[in-house]
N, C-alpha and C. Protein backbone atom coordinates (compact mmCIF):
# COMPACT_ATOMS: atom_id res chain seq x y z
N MET A 1 2.89 -19.90 6.37
CA MET A 1 3.77 -20.50 7.33
C MET A 1 5.07 -20.89 6.63
N ASN A 2 6.13 -20.96 7.40
CA ASN A 2 7.43 -21.29 6.83
C ASN A 2 7.51 -22.78 6.48
N ALA A 3 7.89 -23.06 5.26
CA ALA A 3 8.06 -24.43 4.79
C ALA A 3 9.42 -24.95 5.25
N GLU A 4 9.53 -26.26 5.36
CA GLU A 4 10.82 -26.90 5.65
C GLU A 4 11.63 -26.96 4.36
N ILE A 5 12.89 -26.56 4.44
CA ILE A 5 13.77 -26.58 3.27
C ILE A 5 15.11 -27.18 3.68
N ASP A 6 15.64 -28.06 2.84
CA ASP A 6 16.96 -28.65 3.05
C ASP A 6 17.59 -28.82 1.67
N ILE A 7 18.71 -28.12 1.43
CA ILE A 7 19.34 -28.18 0.10
C ILE A 7 20.44 -29.24 0.02
N THR A 8 20.55 -30.10 1.03
CA THR A 8 21.56 -31.16 1.00
C THR A 8 21.46 -31.94 -0.30
N GLY A 9 22.56 -32.05 -1.01
CA GLY A 9 22.61 -32.83 -2.25
C GLY A 9 21.97 -32.16 -3.45
N ILE A 10 21.51 -30.93 -3.32
CA ILE A 10 20.84 -30.23 -4.43
C ILE A 10 21.85 -29.36 -5.17
N THR A 11 21.90 -29.51 -6.48
CA THR A 11 22.68 -28.63 -7.34
C THR A 11 21.77 -28.17 -8.46
N LEU A 12 21.69 -26.86 -8.63
CA LEU A 12 20.88 -26.26 -9.69
C LEU A 12 21.83 -25.59 -10.67
N THR A 13 21.50 -25.65 -11.95
CA THR A 13 22.36 -25.01 -12.94
C THR A 13 21.53 -24.12 -13.86
N THR A 14 22.19 -23.06 -14.32
CA THR A 14 21.61 -22.17 -15.31
C THR A 14 22.62 -22.08 -16.45
N GLY A 15 22.39 -21.21 -17.39
CA GLY A 15 23.32 -21.05 -18.50
C GLY A 15 24.73 -20.68 -18.06
N ARG A 16 24.85 -19.90 -16.98
CA ARG A 16 26.17 -19.43 -16.55
C ARG A 16 26.54 -19.79 -15.12
N LEU A 17 25.62 -20.35 -14.36
CA LEU A 17 25.83 -20.52 -12.93
C LEU A 17 25.56 -21.94 -12.44
N THR A 18 26.20 -22.26 -11.34
CA THR A 18 25.88 -23.46 -10.57
C THR A 18 25.53 -22.99 -9.16
N LEU A 19 24.39 -23.44 -8.68
CA LEU A 19 23.98 -23.14 -7.30
C LEU A 19 24.04 -24.46 -6.54
N ARG A 20 24.81 -24.46 -5.46
CA ARG A 20 25.08 -25.70 -4.74
C ARG A 20 25.31 -25.39 -3.27
N PRO A 21 25.26 -26.44 -2.43
CA PRO A 21 25.58 -26.22 -1.02
C PRO A 21 27.04 -25.75 -0.87
N TRP A 22 27.27 -24.99 0.18
CA TRP A 22 28.61 -24.49 0.48
C TRP A 22 29.51 -25.63 0.93
N ARG A 23 30.83 -25.46 0.67
CA ARG A 23 31.85 -26.42 1.10
C ARG A 23 32.92 -25.66 1.89
N LYS A 24 33.60 -26.36 2.76
CA LYS A 24 34.68 -25.73 3.55
C LYS A 24 35.73 -25.11 2.64
N SER A 25 35.96 -25.71 1.49
CA SER A 25 36.98 -25.21 0.55
C SER A 25 36.60 -23.89 -0.10
N ASP A 26 35.39 -23.38 0.14
CA ASP A 26 34.93 -22.11 -0.44
C ASP A 26 35.40 -20.89 0.36
N ILE A 27 36.13 -21.09 1.43
CA ILE A 27 36.49 -20.01 2.36
C ILE A 27 37.17 -18.84 1.66
N ASP A 28 38.14 -19.09 0.78
CA ASP A 28 38.87 -17.99 0.15
C ASP A 28 37.98 -17.16 -0.77
N ASP A 29 37.18 -17.85 -1.60
CA ASP A 29 36.26 -17.13 -2.49
C ASP A 29 35.25 -16.32 -1.67
N PHE A 30 34.74 -16.92 -0.61
CA PHE A 30 33.75 -16.25 0.23
C PHE A 30 34.35 -14.99 0.86
N TYR A 31 35.51 -15.13 1.46
CA TYR A 31 36.15 -13.98 2.10
C TYR A 31 36.48 -12.89 1.08
N GLU A 32 36.87 -13.30 -0.12
CA GLU A 32 37.23 -12.32 -1.16
C GLU A 32 36.10 -11.34 -1.43
N TYR A 33 34.86 -11.84 -1.55
CA TYR A 33 33.77 -10.90 -1.84
C TYR A 33 33.11 -10.35 -0.58
N ALA A 34 33.08 -11.13 0.49
CA ALA A 34 32.39 -10.69 1.70
C ALA A 34 33.18 -9.64 2.49
N SER A 35 34.46 -9.52 2.21
CA SER A 35 35.30 -8.54 2.92
C SER A 35 35.33 -7.18 2.23
N VAL A 36 34.66 -7.07 1.09
CA VAL A 36 34.63 -5.80 0.36
C VAL A 36 33.56 -4.89 0.96
N GLU A 37 33.97 -3.69 1.36
CA GLU A 37 33.04 -2.74 1.94
C GLU A 37 31.94 -2.41 0.93
N GLY A 38 30.69 -2.41 1.41
CA GLY A 38 29.55 -2.07 0.57
C GLY A 38 28.78 -3.27 0.05
N VAL A 39 29.37 -4.46 0.11
CA VAL A 39 28.67 -5.65 -0.38
C VAL A 39 27.66 -6.12 0.66
N GLY A 40 28.12 -6.50 1.82
CA GLY A 40 27.22 -6.96 2.88
C GLY A 40 26.28 -5.88 3.38
N GLU A 41 26.77 -4.66 3.41
CA GLU A 41 25.95 -3.55 3.91
C GLU A 41 24.67 -3.38 3.10
N MET A 42 24.70 -3.75 1.82
CA MET A 42 23.49 -3.68 0.98
C MET A 42 22.43 -4.66 1.46
N ALA A 43 22.88 -5.69 2.21
CA ALA A 43 21.97 -6.73 2.68
C ALA A 43 21.76 -6.71 4.19
N GLY A 44 22.38 -5.75 4.87
CA GLY A 44 22.13 -5.62 6.30
C GLY A 44 23.18 -6.22 7.21
N TRP A 45 24.32 -6.63 6.64
CA TRP A 45 25.42 -7.13 7.48
C TRP A 45 26.71 -6.41 7.11
N ALA A 46 27.55 -6.23 8.11
CA ALA A 46 28.83 -5.54 7.89
C ALA A 46 29.79 -6.44 7.14
N HIS A 47 30.58 -5.84 6.25
CA HIS A 47 31.57 -6.64 5.52
C HIS A 47 32.50 -7.33 6.51
N HIS A 48 33.00 -8.49 6.11
CA HIS A 48 33.83 -9.30 7.00
C HIS A 48 35.19 -8.64 7.21
N ARG A 49 35.64 -8.65 8.44
CA ARG A 49 36.91 -8.02 8.79
C ARG A 49 38.03 -9.05 9.00
N SER A 50 37.68 -10.33 9.01
CA SER A 50 38.70 -11.37 9.18
C SER A 50 38.19 -12.68 8.57
N LYS A 51 39.15 -13.55 8.26
CA LYS A 51 38.77 -14.87 7.75
C LYS A 51 38.09 -15.70 8.82
N ASP A 52 38.39 -15.43 10.09
CA ASP A 52 37.71 -16.14 11.18
C ASP A 52 36.21 -15.84 11.15
N GLU A 53 35.86 -14.59 10.89
CA GLU A 53 34.45 -14.21 10.78
C GLU A 53 33.81 -14.93 9.60
N THR A 54 34.50 -14.94 8.48
CA THR A 54 34.00 -15.64 7.29
C THR A 54 33.84 -17.13 7.58
N GLN A 55 34.81 -17.71 8.27
CA GLN A 55 34.74 -19.14 8.60
C GLN A 55 33.51 -19.46 9.45
N ALA A 56 33.22 -18.61 10.43
CA ALA A 56 32.06 -18.83 11.30
C ALA A 56 30.76 -18.80 10.48
N ILE A 57 30.67 -17.88 9.55
CA ILE A 57 29.46 -17.77 8.73
C ILE A 57 29.39 -18.91 7.72
N LEU A 58 30.53 -19.29 7.16
CA LEU A 58 30.57 -20.44 6.26
C LEU A 58 30.10 -21.70 6.99
N ASP A 59 30.56 -21.91 8.21
CA ASP A 59 30.12 -23.06 8.99
C ASP A 59 28.61 -23.02 9.22
N MET A 60 28.08 -21.82 9.48
CA MET A 60 26.64 -21.65 9.67
C MET A 60 25.89 -22.01 8.38
N PHE A 61 26.40 -21.55 7.23
CA PHE A 61 25.77 -21.89 5.95
C PHE A 61 25.75 -23.41 5.73
N ILE A 62 26.86 -24.06 6.00
CA ILE A 62 26.96 -25.50 5.79
C ILE A 62 26.00 -26.24 6.73
N GLU A 63 26.01 -25.89 8.00
CA GLU A 63 25.15 -26.55 8.98
C GLU A 63 23.67 -26.24 8.75
N GLY A 64 23.35 -25.03 8.29
CA GLY A 64 21.97 -24.62 8.10
C GLY A 64 21.27 -25.29 6.94
N ARG A 65 22.02 -25.72 5.93
CA ARG A 65 21.49 -26.45 4.77
C ARG A 65 20.34 -25.73 4.06
N LYS A 66 20.48 -24.36 3.97
CA LYS A 66 19.43 -23.58 3.30
C LYS A 66 20.01 -22.44 2.45
N THR A 67 21.34 -22.39 2.32
CA THR A 67 21.97 -21.31 1.57
C THR A 67 22.83 -21.88 0.45
N PHE A 68 22.51 -21.47 -0.77
CA PHE A 68 23.29 -21.90 -1.94
C PHE A 68 24.52 -21.01 -2.12
N ALA A 69 25.63 -21.62 -2.50
CA ALA A 69 26.77 -20.88 -3.03
C ALA A 69 26.46 -20.64 -4.50
N ILE A 70 26.72 -19.42 -4.98
CA ILE A 70 26.55 -19.10 -6.40
C ILE A 70 27.93 -19.20 -7.03
N GLU A 71 28.08 -20.16 -7.92
CA GLU A 71 29.38 -20.42 -8.55
C GLU A 71 29.33 -20.02 -10.03
N HIS A 72 30.36 -19.30 -10.47
CA HIS A 72 30.48 -18.87 -11.86
C HIS A 72 31.90 -19.20 -12.33
N GLU A 73 32.01 -20.00 -13.36
CA GLU A 73 33.30 -20.40 -13.92
C GLU A 73 34.25 -20.93 -12.84
N GLY A 74 33.70 -21.78 -11.96
CA GLY A 74 34.50 -22.44 -10.94
C GLY A 74 34.81 -21.62 -9.70
N LYS A 75 34.28 -20.41 -9.61
CA LYS A 75 34.56 -19.52 -8.48
C LYS A 75 33.24 -19.16 -7.79
N VAL A 76 33.22 -19.20 -6.46
CA VAL A 76 32.03 -18.78 -5.71
C VAL A 76 32.02 -17.25 -5.68
N ILE A 77 30.92 -16.69 -6.18
CA ILE A 77 30.82 -15.23 -6.29
C ILE A 77 29.65 -14.65 -5.51
N GLY A 78 28.93 -15.48 -4.77
CA GLY A 78 27.81 -14.97 -4.01
C GLY A 78 27.08 -16.07 -3.27
N SER A 79 25.99 -15.66 -2.61
CA SER A 79 25.17 -16.62 -1.87
C SER A 79 23.69 -16.29 -2.10
N LEU A 80 22.88 -17.33 -1.98
CA LEU A 80 21.43 -17.16 -2.10
C LEU A 80 20.80 -18.03 -1.02
N GLY A 81 20.26 -17.37 0.00
CA GLY A 81 19.67 -18.09 1.12
C GLY A 81 18.16 -18.18 1.02
N ILE A 82 17.65 -19.31 1.47
CA ILE A 82 16.21 -19.55 1.53
C ILE A 82 15.84 -19.46 3.01
N GLU A 83 15.53 -18.26 3.43
CA GLU A 83 15.40 -17.93 4.85
C GLU A 83 13.97 -18.09 5.35
N MET A 84 13.85 -18.16 6.68
CA MET A 84 12.54 -18.11 7.31
C MET A 84 12.04 -16.67 7.18
N TYR A 85 10.79 -16.50 6.77
CA TYR A 85 10.24 -15.15 6.70
C TYR A 85 9.54 -14.83 8.02
N ASP A 86 9.36 -13.55 8.29
CA ASP A 86 8.69 -13.10 9.50
C ASP A 86 7.18 -13.27 9.30
N GLU A 87 6.62 -14.30 9.91
CA GLU A 87 5.21 -14.63 9.71
C GLU A 87 4.26 -13.53 10.20
N ARG A 88 4.75 -12.68 11.12
CA ARG A 88 3.91 -11.57 11.61
C ARG A 88 3.66 -10.53 10.52
N LEU A 89 4.55 -10.45 9.53
CA LEU A 89 4.39 -9.47 8.45
C LEU A 89 3.27 -9.86 7.48
N LEU A 90 2.99 -11.15 7.37
CA LEU A 90 2.04 -11.64 6.37
C LEU A 90 1.03 -12.62 6.98
N PRO A 91 0.24 -12.15 7.94
CA PRO A 91 -0.71 -13.08 8.59
C PRO A 91 -1.73 -13.66 7.62
N GLN A 92 -1.99 -12.96 6.53
CA GLN A 92 -2.96 -13.44 5.54
C GLN A 92 -2.49 -14.71 4.81
N LEU A 93 -1.20 -15.04 4.97
CA LEU A 93 -0.66 -16.23 4.30
C LEU A 93 -0.37 -17.37 5.28
N SER A 94 -0.95 -17.30 6.47
CA SER A 94 -0.64 -18.28 7.51
C SER A 94 -1.03 -19.71 7.15
N ASP A 95 -1.94 -19.87 6.19
CA ASP A 95 -2.34 -21.22 5.79
C ASP A 95 -1.60 -21.69 4.53
N LYS A 96 -0.60 -20.93 4.09
CA LYS A 96 0.18 -21.25 2.88
C LYS A 96 1.64 -21.51 3.26
N GLN A 97 2.35 -22.23 2.39
CA GLN A 97 3.76 -22.56 2.59
C GLN A 97 4.64 -21.56 1.84
N GLY A 98 5.59 -20.94 2.56
CA GLY A 98 6.46 -19.98 1.91
C GLY A 98 7.81 -19.87 2.58
N ARG A 99 8.70 -19.12 1.97
CA ARG A 99 10.02 -18.79 2.51
C ARG A 99 10.42 -17.42 1.97
N GLU A 100 11.55 -16.93 2.46
CA GLU A 100 12.09 -15.65 2.01
C GLU A 100 13.45 -15.87 1.39
N LEU A 101 13.72 -15.19 0.27
CA LEU A 101 15.03 -15.26 -0.37
C LEU A 101 15.87 -14.07 0.03
N GLY A 102 17.15 -14.33 0.23
CA GLY A 102 18.13 -13.28 0.47
C GLY A 102 19.36 -13.59 -0.37
N PHE A 103 19.93 -12.58 -1.00
CA PHE A 103 21.05 -12.85 -1.91
C PHE A 103 22.10 -11.76 -1.84
N VAL A 104 23.32 -12.16 -2.13
CA VAL A 104 24.46 -11.25 -2.18
C VAL A 104 25.35 -11.71 -3.33
N LEU A 105 25.90 -10.75 -4.06
CA LEU A 105 26.79 -11.07 -5.17
C LEU A 105 28.05 -10.22 -5.05
N SER A 106 29.17 -10.82 -5.40
CA SER A 106 30.45 -10.11 -5.41
C SER A 106 30.33 -8.84 -6.24
N LYS A 107 30.87 -7.75 -5.70
CA LYS A 107 30.83 -6.46 -6.40
C LYS A 107 31.46 -6.56 -7.80
N ALA A 108 32.45 -7.41 -7.96
CA ALA A 108 33.14 -7.58 -9.25
C ALA A 108 32.21 -8.14 -10.33
N TYR A 109 31.05 -8.67 -9.94
CA TYR A 109 30.14 -9.30 -10.91
C TYR A 109 28.81 -8.57 -11.03
N TRP A 110 28.68 -7.41 -10.39
CA TRP A 110 27.44 -6.64 -10.50
C TRP A 110 27.22 -6.20 -11.94
N GLY A 111 25.95 -6.07 -12.31
CA GLY A 111 25.59 -5.51 -13.61
C GLY A 111 25.65 -6.48 -14.78
N ARG A 112 25.79 -7.76 -14.51
CA ARG A 112 25.88 -8.76 -15.59
C ARG A 112 24.63 -9.64 -15.71
N GLY A 113 23.62 -9.37 -14.89
CA GLY A 113 22.39 -10.17 -14.93
C GLY A 113 22.52 -11.53 -14.25
N LEU A 114 23.56 -11.72 -13.46
CA LEU A 114 23.77 -13.01 -12.81
C LEU A 114 22.82 -13.23 -11.63
N THR A 115 22.52 -12.19 -10.89
CA THR A 115 21.63 -12.36 -9.73
C THR A 115 20.22 -12.76 -10.17
N PRO A 116 19.60 -12.06 -11.14
CA PRO A 116 18.27 -12.52 -11.56
C PRO A 116 18.30 -13.96 -12.10
N GLU A 117 19.39 -14.32 -12.76
CA GLU A 117 19.52 -15.69 -13.28
C GLU A 117 19.49 -16.71 -12.13
N ALA A 118 20.23 -16.42 -11.07
CA ALA A 118 20.26 -17.31 -9.91
C ALA A 118 18.90 -17.32 -9.20
N VAL A 119 18.35 -16.14 -8.96
CA VAL A 119 17.08 -16.04 -8.24
C VAL A 119 15.97 -16.75 -9.00
N ASN A 120 15.90 -16.57 -10.30
CA ASN A 120 14.85 -17.23 -11.09
C ASN A 120 14.96 -18.74 -11.02
N GLU A 121 16.16 -19.27 -10.99
CA GLU A 121 16.32 -20.73 -10.90
C GLU A 121 15.88 -21.25 -9.54
N VAL A 122 16.20 -20.52 -8.48
CA VAL A 122 15.77 -20.94 -7.15
C VAL A 122 14.25 -20.80 -7.01
N ILE A 123 13.66 -19.76 -7.59
CA ILE A 123 12.20 -19.63 -7.61
C ILE A 123 11.58 -20.85 -8.28
N ARG A 124 12.11 -21.21 -9.44
CA ARG A 124 11.59 -22.39 -10.16
C ARG A 124 11.65 -23.63 -9.28
N TRP A 125 12.80 -23.85 -8.65
CA TRP A 125 12.98 -25.02 -7.80
C TRP A 125 12.01 -25.01 -6.62
N LEU A 126 11.85 -23.86 -5.98
CA LEU A 126 10.96 -23.77 -4.82
C LEU A 126 9.50 -24.01 -5.18
N PHE A 127 9.07 -23.45 -6.30
CA PHE A 127 7.67 -23.64 -6.70
C PHE A 127 7.45 -25.01 -7.35
N ASP A 128 8.27 -25.37 -8.31
CA ASP A 128 8.02 -26.59 -9.08
C ASP A 128 8.43 -27.87 -8.37
N GLU A 129 9.49 -27.83 -7.58
CA GLU A 129 9.99 -29.05 -6.95
C GLU A 129 9.75 -29.13 -5.45
N GLN A 130 9.62 -27.99 -4.79
CA GLN A 130 9.40 -27.99 -3.34
C GLN A 130 7.96 -27.66 -2.96
N GLY A 131 7.14 -27.25 -3.92
CA GLY A 131 5.72 -27.04 -3.68
C GLY A 131 5.34 -25.83 -2.85
N LEU A 132 6.21 -24.81 -2.80
CA LEU A 132 5.86 -23.60 -2.06
C LEU A 132 4.70 -22.87 -2.73
N ASP A 133 3.95 -22.11 -1.93
CA ASP A 133 2.83 -21.31 -2.42
C ASP A 133 3.24 -19.87 -2.70
N PHE A 134 4.28 -19.40 -2.00
CA PHE A 134 4.73 -18.02 -2.17
C PHE A 134 6.17 -17.88 -1.72
N ILE A 135 6.80 -16.80 -2.18
CA ILE A 135 8.16 -16.45 -1.78
C ILE A 135 8.18 -14.96 -1.47
N VAL A 136 8.83 -14.62 -0.38
CA VAL A 136 9.01 -13.23 0.04
C VAL A 136 10.43 -12.81 -0.31
N CYS A 137 10.60 -11.56 -0.66
CA CYS A 137 11.92 -10.99 -0.88
C CYS A 137 11.85 -9.55 -0.38
N ARG A 138 12.95 -9.06 0.19
CA ARG A 138 12.95 -7.71 0.73
C ARG A 138 14.19 -6.97 0.26
N HIS A 139 14.10 -5.65 0.30
CA HIS A 139 15.27 -4.82 0.01
C HIS A 139 15.12 -3.50 0.75
N PHE A 140 16.27 -2.90 1.06
CA PHE A 140 16.24 -1.59 1.70
C PHE A 140 15.79 -0.55 0.68
N ALA A 141 15.17 0.51 1.18
CA ALA A 141 14.65 1.57 0.32
C ALA A 141 15.74 2.16 -0.57
N ASP A 142 16.98 2.19 -0.09
CA ASP A 142 18.07 2.78 -0.87
C ASP A 142 18.86 1.78 -1.72
N ASN A 143 18.35 0.55 -1.84
CA ASN A 143 19.05 -0.47 -2.62
C ASN A 143 18.34 -0.68 -3.96
N ALA A 144 18.64 0.19 -4.90
CA ALA A 144 17.98 0.14 -6.22
C ALA A 144 18.33 -1.14 -6.98
N GLN A 145 19.53 -1.67 -6.79
CA GLN A 145 19.93 -2.88 -7.51
C GLN A 145 19.08 -4.08 -7.09
N SER A 146 18.92 -4.25 -5.80
CA SER A 146 18.13 -5.37 -5.31
C SER A 146 16.66 -5.19 -5.70
N LYS A 147 16.18 -3.96 -5.66
CA LYS A 147 14.81 -3.68 -6.08
C LYS A 147 14.62 -4.13 -7.53
N ARG A 148 15.57 -3.79 -8.39
CA ARG A 148 15.47 -4.14 -9.81
C ARG A 148 15.51 -5.65 -10.02
N VAL A 149 16.38 -6.34 -9.30
CA VAL A 149 16.43 -7.81 -9.40
C VAL A 149 15.07 -8.40 -9.04
N GLN A 150 14.50 -7.93 -7.95
CA GLN A 150 13.22 -8.47 -7.51
C GLN A 150 12.10 -8.18 -8.50
N GLN A 151 12.10 -6.98 -9.08
CA GLN A 151 11.11 -6.67 -10.11
C GLN A 151 11.27 -7.58 -11.32
N LYS A 152 12.52 -7.76 -11.78
CA LYS A 152 12.77 -8.64 -12.94
C LYS A 152 12.29 -10.06 -12.69
N CYS A 153 12.33 -10.48 -11.43
CA CYS A 153 11.94 -11.85 -11.08
C CYS A 153 10.46 -11.98 -10.74
N GLY A 154 9.70 -10.90 -10.87
CA GLY A 154 8.25 -10.97 -10.72
C GLY A 154 7.71 -10.62 -9.35
N PHE A 155 8.56 -10.22 -8.40
CA PHE A 155 8.08 -9.87 -7.07
C PHE A 155 7.32 -8.54 -7.12
N LYS A 156 6.25 -8.46 -6.33
CA LYS A 156 5.42 -7.25 -6.25
C LYS A 156 5.48 -6.69 -4.83
N PHE A 157 5.62 -5.36 -4.76
CA PHE A 157 5.66 -4.67 -3.47
C PHE A 157 4.33 -4.86 -2.75
N ILE A 158 4.41 -5.17 -1.42
CA ILE A 158 3.17 -5.27 -0.65
C ILE A 158 3.14 -4.38 0.58
N LYS A 159 4.32 -4.07 1.16
CA LYS A 159 4.31 -3.21 2.35
C LYS A 159 5.72 -2.79 2.72
N TYR A 160 5.78 -1.78 3.58
CA TYR A 160 7.05 -1.34 4.18
C TYR A 160 7.19 -2.00 5.55
N SER A 161 8.42 -2.15 5.98
CA SER A 161 8.67 -2.59 7.35
C SER A 161 9.99 -1.95 7.81
N LYS A 162 10.36 -2.23 9.03
CA LYS A 162 11.65 -1.76 9.56
C LYS A 162 12.53 -2.99 9.78
N TYR A 163 13.81 -2.83 9.50
CA TYR A 163 14.77 -3.93 9.64
C TYR A 163 15.98 -3.42 10.39
N LYS A 164 16.38 -4.16 11.42
CA LYS A 164 17.58 -3.79 12.18
C LYS A 164 18.76 -4.59 11.65
N THR A 165 19.75 -3.88 11.11
CA THR A 165 20.93 -4.52 10.55
C THR A 165 21.79 -5.12 11.65
N THR A 166 22.73 -5.98 11.26
CA THR A 166 23.64 -6.57 12.25
C THR A 166 24.57 -5.52 12.84
N TYR A 167 24.69 -4.37 12.18
CA TYR A 167 25.54 -3.30 12.71
C TYR A 167 24.72 -2.23 13.43
N GLY A 168 23.45 -2.54 13.75
CA GLY A 168 22.65 -1.71 14.63
C GLY A 168 21.80 -0.62 14.01
N GLU A 169 21.88 -0.43 12.72
CA GLU A 169 21.09 0.61 12.05
C GLU A 169 19.69 0.07 11.73
N VAL A 170 18.67 0.89 11.95
CA VAL A 170 17.31 0.51 11.58
C VAL A 170 17.01 1.17 10.24
N LYS A 171 16.64 0.34 9.26
CA LYS A 171 16.42 0.85 7.91
C LYS A 171 15.01 0.52 7.44
N THR A 172 14.50 1.36 6.54
CA THR A 172 13.21 1.08 5.90
C THR A 172 13.42 -0.02 4.87
N ASP A 173 12.50 -0.93 4.88
CA ASP A 173 12.61 -2.17 4.13
C ASP A 173 11.35 -2.32 3.28
N HIS A 174 11.50 -2.70 2.03
CA HIS A 174 10.35 -2.98 1.17
C HIS A 174 10.12 -4.49 1.18
N VAL A 175 8.91 -4.91 1.48
CA VAL A 175 8.56 -6.32 1.49
C VAL A 175 7.86 -6.61 0.18
N ASN A 176 8.39 -7.58 -0.56
CA ASN A 176 7.86 -7.95 -1.87
C ASN A 176 7.45 -9.42 -1.86
N LEU A 177 6.48 -9.74 -2.68
CA LEU A 177 5.88 -11.08 -2.67
C LEU A 177 5.73 -11.61 -4.08
N LEU A 178 5.97 -12.90 -4.23
CA LEU A 178 5.69 -13.62 -5.48
C LEU A 178 4.84 -14.83 -5.12
N LEU A 179 3.63 -14.88 -5.66
CA LEU A 179 2.74 -16.01 -5.44
C LEU A 179 2.97 -17.06 -6.53
N LYS A 180 2.83 -18.32 -6.16
CA LYS A 180 3.01 -19.40 -7.14
C LYS A 180 2.01 -19.23 -8.28
N SER A 181 0.80 -18.79 -7.99
CA SER A 181 -0.22 -18.62 -9.03
C SER A 181 0.23 -17.59 -10.07
N GLU A 182 0.89 -16.51 -9.63
CA GLU A 182 1.40 -15.50 -10.58
C GLU A 182 2.58 -16.05 -11.37
N TYR A 183 3.44 -16.79 -10.70
CA TYR A 183 4.60 -17.41 -11.36
C TYR A 183 4.12 -18.40 -12.42
N THR A 184 3.15 -19.23 -12.08
CA THR A 184 2.63 -20.24 -13.02
C THR A 184 1.99 -19.55 -14.23
N LYS A 185 1.23 -18.50 -13.98
CA LYS A 185 0.59 -17.76 -15.07
C LYS A 185 1.65 -17.15 -16.00
N LYS A 186 2.69 -16.56 -15.42
CA LYS A 186 3.78 -15.96 -16.20
C LYS A 186 4.49 -17.03 -17.04
N SER A 187 4.72 -18.21 -16.43
CA SER A 187 5.39 -19.31 -17.13
C SER A 187 4.56 -19.82 -18.30
N GLU A 188 3.25 -19.89 -18.11
CA GLU A 188 2.36 -20.38 -19.16
C GLU A 188 2.29 -19.39 -20.33
N GLU A 189 2.42 -18.08 -20.02
CA GLU A 189 2.37 -17.07 -21.07
C GLU A 189 3.65 -17.01 -21.88
N ALA A 190 4.74 -17.48 -21.29
CA ALA A 190 6.06 -17.40 -21.97
C ALA A 190 6.22 -18.41 -23.08
């Protein structure tokens, strides 16, 4: 079942990143990366065509209190959302607490290992501080980068599904799962 999550007042840090709630002042950084063709499309949404569109989504992030801004050297370069997962996909976990992660990173920062760094810190927070039992992550069949991030972070493939993008395309989707028990075992071995 979906756990309750509220990131109000939460700031997480890694060696290179700060993950924090979005602020209205992030509009320019957000539009800069979200308006680049190919960034949002990797995650199922069309790149932003206006700052008004970006503003509406920024307001949604702020009000929703479940999406971190990924900040690097004082600049917001991406987002990491702790989304509700589709409970129909995983009925075997109906007695457990979980959520789904979704992430996007500015194209200018791809290939530097920043996304796994951010995802691993949010995984740690969700398991160690929020008490979740599992985390779901998904990627399109043709998104090798997201697949690699999820593998690096310990997610295991469990099934295929179909996902309808915001621009109307239905794509094959890989559903991946990370159980707290596997995360804890991996942490103890490290």
